[in-house]
Protein backbone atom coordinates (compact mmCIF):
# COMPACT_ATOMS: atom_id res chain seq x y z
CA LEU A 1 10.57 -8.13 -1.48
CA GLU A 2 12.38 -7.20 1.72
CA GLY A 3 11.75 -3.45 1.57
CA PHE A 4 14.94 -2.42 -0.21
CA VAL A 5 16.39 -2.68 -3.71
CA ASP A 6 19.18 -5.23 -4.11
CA VAL A 7 20.94 -3.94 -7.24
CA PHE A 8 22.81 -7.26 -7.57
CA ASP A 9 19.55 -9.15 -8.13
CA PRO A 10 19.10 -9.90 -11.86
CA ASP A 11 15.49 -8.68 -11.80
CA ALA A 12 16.11 -5.46 -9.84
CA PRO A 13 16.56 -1.91 -11.16
CA LYS A 14 20.11 -0.56 -11.06
CA TYR A 15 19.27 3.15 -10.74
CA ALA A 16 16.35 5.53 -10.21
CA ALA A 17 15.45 8.50 -12.39
CA GLN A 18 15.65 12.08 -11.12
CA ILE A 19 12.14 13.54 -11.19
CA GLU A 20 12.01 17.28 -11.52
CA GLY A 21 10.10 19.11 -8.81
CA TYR A 22 10.59 16.47 -6.09
CA ASN A 23 13.17 16.45 -3.32
CA PRO A 24 15.20 13.25 -2.63
CA LEU A 25 12.88 12.03 0.13
CA GLU A 26 9.79 12.54 -2.05
CA GLN A 27 11.50 10.73 -4.91
CA ARG A 28 12.21 7.81 -2.63
CA HIS A 29 8.52 7.59 -1.70
CA LEU A 30 7.58 7.63 -5.38
CA LEU A 31 10.05 4.83 -6.04
CA VAL A 32 8.64 2.68 -3.23
CA VAL A 33 5.09 3.23 -4.48
CA GLN A 34 6.09 2.29 -8.03
CA LEU A 35 8.02 -0.84 -7.10
CA ILE A 36 5.90 -2.24 -4.29
CA PHE A 37 2.44 -0.82 -3.89
CA ASN A 38 1.34 -0.03 -7.45
CA THR A 39 1.51 -3.74 -8.17
CA SER A 40 -1.10 -4.58 -5.53
CA GLY A 41 -4.23 -2.73 -6.53
CA ALA A 42 -7.77 -3.62 -5.54
CA ARG A 43 -8.63 -7.28 -6.20
CA VAL A 44 -5.12 -8.06 -7.45
CA ARG A 45 -3.63 -11.23 -5.98
CA GLU A 46 0.14 -11.46 -5.66
CA SER A 47 2.07 -14.70 -6.09
CA MET A 48 5.04 -13.22 -4.22
CA SER A 49 4.18 -10.46 -1.76
CA TYR A 50 6.02 -7.79 0.23
CA ASP A 51 3.31 -7.00 2.79
CA LEU A 52 3.43 -8.05 6.45
CA PRO A 53 6.22 -10.65 6.17
CA LEU A 54 6.45 -11.22 9.91
CA LEU A 55 2.82 -12.38 10.01
CA TRP A 56 3.31 -15.08 7.40
CA PRO A 57 3.78 -18.76 8.27
CA THR A 58 7.38 -19.93 8.34
CA GLU A 59 6.64 -22.12 5.29
CA TYR A 60 5.85 -19.04 3.22
CA ALA A 61 9.00 -17.30 4.47
CA ARG A 62 11.00 -20.31 3.29
CA LEU A 63 9.34 -20.10 -0.12
CA VAL A 64 10.23 -16.40 -0.42
CA GLY A 65 13.84 -17.23 0.44
CA ARG A 66 13.90 -19.98 -2.18
CA PHE A 67 12.50 -17.57 -4.77
CA LEU A 68 15.14 -14.93 -3.98
CA ALA A 69 17.93 -17.47 -4.40
CA ALA A 70 16.55 -18.84 -7.68
CA PRO A 71 17.78 -17.82 -11.15
CA ARG A 72 15.31 -16.05 -13.42
CA GLU A 73 14.39 -19.22 -15.33
CA ASP A 74 13.29 -20.93 -12.11
CA ARG A 75 11.48 -17.79 -10.91
CA LEU A 76 9.47 -17.56 -14.12
CA ARG A 77 8.65 -21.26 -13.97
CA TYR A 78 7.30 -20.81 -10.44
CA LEU A 79 5.31 -17.68 -11.33
CA ARG A 80 3.70 -19.34 -14.32
CA ARG A 81 2.72 -22.43 -12.34
CA VAL A 82 1.01 -20.48 -9.57
CA GLY A 83 -1.16 -18.56 -12.05
CA THR A 84 0.75 -15.28 -12.46
CA ARG A 85 -0.29 -13.29 -15.51
CA TYR A 86 1.60 -9.98 -15.10
CA VAL A 87 5.24 -9.41 -14.14
CA ILE A 88 7.44 -6.32 -13.74
CA LEU A 89 10.99 -6.97 -14.99
CA PRO A 90 13.90 -5.04 -16.54
CA GLY A 91 13.62 -7.18 -19.68
CA PRO A 92 11.03 -9.38 -21.42
CA PRO A 93 10.37 -12.74 -19.70
CA VAL A 94 10.24 -14.36 -23.15
CA PRO A 95 12.01 -13.10 -26.29
CA GLY A 96 10.05 -10.57 -28.33
CA LEU A 97 7.38 -9.80 -25.71
CA GLN A 98 6.59 -6.07 -25.78
CA PRO A 99 6.02 -4.14 -22.54
CA MET A 100 2.59 -2.75 -21.65
CA ALA A 101 3.96 0.12 -19.56
CA VAL A 102 7.15 1.58 -18.06
CA LEU A 103 7.60 2.56 -14.42
CA GLU A 104 8.08 6.30 -14.17
CA THR A 105 10.80 6.43 -11.52
CA VAL A 106 12.71 3.35 -12.76
CA GLU A 107 12.25 3.35 -16.51
CA GLN A 108 14.30 0.18 -16.92
CA MET A 109 11.45 -1.72 -15.18
CA LYS A 110 8.55 -2.64 -17.46
CA LEU A 111 5.17 -4.31 -17.11
CA PHE A 112 4.65 -7.44 -19.22
CA ASP A 113 1.59 -9.58 -19.90
CA TYR A 114 3.63 -12.70 -19.31
CA TYR A 115 1.03 -15.49 -19.27
CA PRO A 116 -2.44 -14.52 -20.57
CA ALA A 117 -3.69 -18.10 -20.07
CA ALA A 118 -2.93 -17.99 -16.33
CA LYS A 119 -5.36 -19.89 -14.08
CA ARG A 120 -5.70 -19.79 -10.30
CA VAL A 121 -7.86 -22.88 -10.10
CA LEU A 122 -7.90 -26.19 -11.95
CA VAL A 123 -8.83 -29.85 -11.55
CA VAL A 124 -5.98 -32.37 -11.70
CA PRO A 125 -6.11 -36.18 -11.62
CA ASP A 126 -3.43 -37.10 -9.11
CA ALA A 127 -1.57 -36.26 -5.90
CA LEU A 128 2.21 -36.69 -6.00
CA LEU A 129 3.40 -37.78 -2.54
CA GLY A 130 6.84 -36.72 -1.34
CA GLN A 131 8.76 -36.81 1.89
CA ASP A 132 8.35 -33.30 3.32
CA PHE A 133 7.62 -29.61 2.76
CA THR A 134 11.03 -29.00 1.17
CA TRP A 135 10.24 -31.60 -1.50
CA GLU A 136 6.97 -29.83 -2.30
CA MET A 137 8.62 -26.42 -2.43
CA GLU A 138 11.45 -27.57 -4.68
CA GLY A 139 8.96 -29.13 -7.07
CA LEU A 140 7.46 -25.71 -7.83
CA PHE A 141 10.79 -24.62 -9.34
CA GLN A 142 11.78 -27.84 -11.14
CA PRO A 143 11.15 -28.54 -14.86
CA ARG A 144 9.84 -32.06 -14.21
CA PHE A 145 6.70 -30.95 -12.33
CA ASP A 146 3.52 -30.48 -14.40
CA GLU A 147 0.92 -28.59 -12.35
CA THR A 148 -1.88 -29.76 -14.68
CA LYS A 149 -1.23 -33.43 -13.88
CA GLY A 150 -1.19 -33.37 -10.09
CA VAL A 151 -0.68 -31.59 -6.79
CA LEU A 152 2.41 -31.94 -4.61
CA VAL A 153 1.72 -33.26 -1.10
CA SER A 154 3.82 -34.58 1.77
CA THR A 155 1.02 -36.32 3.69
CA PRO A 156 -1.43 -38.91 2.29
CA PRO A 157 -4.61 -37.28 0.91
CA PRO A 158 -7.90 -37.65 2.81
CA PRO A 159 -10.78 -39.63 1.27
CA PRO A 160 -12.52 -37.86 -1.65
CA ALA A 161 -15.41 -35.56 -0.73
CA GLY A 162 -18.69 -34.69 -2.42
CA VAL A 163 -21.80 -36.38 -3.78
CA PRO A 164 -20.74 -38.94 -6.42
CA GLY A 165 -21.96 -38.22 -9.93
CA LEU A 166 -21.45 -39.12 -13.55
CA PRO A 167 -17.97 -38.65 -15.05
CA VAL A 168 -17.54 -35.15 -16.52
CA SER A 169 -14.62 -33.57 -18.35
CA PRO A 170 -12.30 -31.80 -15.87
CA SER A 171 -12.99 -28.10 -15.34
CA ALA A 172 -12.94 -25.45 -12.62
CA THR A 173 -14.82 -22.14 -12.73
CA PHE A 174 -15.15 -19.37 -10.15
CA LEU A 175 -18.75 -18.68 -9.13
CA GLU A 176 -17.70 -16.26 -6.38
CA ASP A 177 -14.23 -14.83 -5.80
CA GLY A 178 -14.20 -12.78 -2.62
CA LEU A 179 -11.74 -12.04 0.15
CA ASN A 180 -13.31 -14.31 2.79
CA ARG A 181 -15.37 -16.60 0.57
CA VAL A 182 -14.48 -18.37 -2.69
CA VAL A 183 -16.93 -20.63 -4.53
CA VAL A 184 -15.81 -22.90 -7.38
CA ARG A 185 -17.74 -25.25 -9.64
CA ALA A 186 -15.50 -28.24 -10.29
CA THR A 187 -16.07 -31.25 -12.52
CA THR A 188 -13.97 -34.38 -12.75
CA PRO A 189 -14.14 -37.64 -14.75
CA ASN A 190 -12.67 -39.65 -11.86
CA ASP A 191 -11.67 -39.01 -8.28
CA GLY A 192 -9.39 -35.98 -8.57
CA PHE A 193 -8.12 -32.86 -6.89
CA LEU A 194 -9.20 -29.25 -7.00
CA SER A 195 -6.01 -27.16 -6.99
CA LEU A 196 -6.49 -23.55 -5.87
CA TRP A 197 -3.42 -21.31 -6.08
CA ASP A 198 -4.46 -19.22 -3.07
CA SER A 199 -2.60 -19.27 0.25
CA TYR A 200 -3.27 -22.16 2.60
CA ASN A 201 -4.24 -21.36 6.17
CA PRO A 202 -5.99 -23.69 8.65
CA ASP A 203 -8.58 -20.96 9.27
CA TRP A 204 -9.94 -21.60 5.77
CA HIS A 205 -12.75 -24.16 5.77
CA VAL A 206 -14.24 -25.98 2.80
CA ASP A 207 -17.63 -27.47 1.96
CA VAL A 208 -18.27 -29.74 -1.02
CA ASP A 209 -21.88 -29.94 -2.19
CA GLY A 210 -23.00 -28.44 1.12
CA HIS A 211 -21.08 -30.83 3.39
CA PRO A 212 -17.83 -30.16 5.30
CA ALA A 213 -14.71 -31.57 3.65
CA PRO A 214 -11.02 -31.78 4.59
CA LEU A 215 -8.90 -28.87 3.39
CA MET A 216 -5.53 -29.93 2.02
CA ARG A 217 -2.25 -28.03 1.96
CA VAL A 218 -0.88 -28.73 -1.51
CA ASN A 219 2.00 -27.41 -3.61
CA ALA A 220 3.83 -26.22 -0.48
CA VAL A 221 1.67 -23.25 0.56
CA PHE A 222 -1.55 -23.48 -1.45
CA ARG A 223 -5.01 -25.05 -1.09
CA GLY A 224 -6.52 -28.24 -2.42
CA VAL A 225 -9.55 -30.52 -2.05
CA HIS A 226 -9.91 -34.22 -2.89
CA LEU A 227 -13.12 -34.74 -4.92
CA VAL A 228 -15.14 -37.77 -6.01
CA THR A 229 -16.22 -38.21 -9.61
CA GLY A 230 -18.85 -35.77 -10.84
CA ASP A 231 -19.98 -32.14 -10.77
CA HIS A 232 -19.44 -30.26 -7.49
CA ILE A 233 -19.82 -26.90 -5.78
CA VAL A 234 -16.79 -26.24 -3.58
CA THR A 235 -17.06 -23.38 -1.08
CA PHE A 236 -14.06 -21.96 0.80
CA THR A 237 -14.80 -19.68 3.77
CA TYR A 238 -12.35 -17.90 6.06
CA HIS A 239 -13.04 -17.96 9.81
CA PRO A 240 -10.00 -16.62 11.74
CA ALA A 241 -10.47 -18.34 15.10
CA ARG A 242 -7.94 -16.17 16.94
CA LEU A 243 -9.72 -13.00 15.83
CA TYR A 244 -13.07 -14.24 17.14
CA LEU A 245 -11.52 -15.42 20.40
CA GLY A 246 -9.85 -12.03 20.86
């Protein structure tokens, strides 16, 4: 995560293979590509990312530090909660899980389909209010938190948004999943919360049923929206104000 391999980390490789026909510098480039950049192909979202760390908010930097200090059990709990399907590890994340592929330069590292039922968006009934950001962050690693029952917040939620409708079973489905625009159809039987496991940033704006709505920071560094009962179209759009001003 920090641009080098810490061999003392339980999830890190301990050695690199010698690849015939490549000099040491070329082998190092191959290793970096395998470990860092092959995992972030087109339209792949990362739940823990290496790129551009100095441009991230301090809250995200704190989350990365918490992840690095966590044992594997806590790391896997976090990854599952935030909707991670695939992981690269030196051993199976659960007993008996067979690898899909092996990294060429570090054959001890293998690709696993860890959580096929992973979801990036869901509707939950409650908001769990804590004292501060640290409380939210710690909750993502603790066994007692159930991400299907609520979102973690450290400020009181805004009033629910949207056109009220008839109670509908909870669901969330992507209608559009782009880089600067995400559209979700969300249904809820009561006032509830749309939980989107994509990074929060105040330059994201949200409309519910065609009307502006408050964007919430939930679960430490992710996005949420408070919704009234019914069937709704929730549209997230990214407008980086500093870019336009520049």
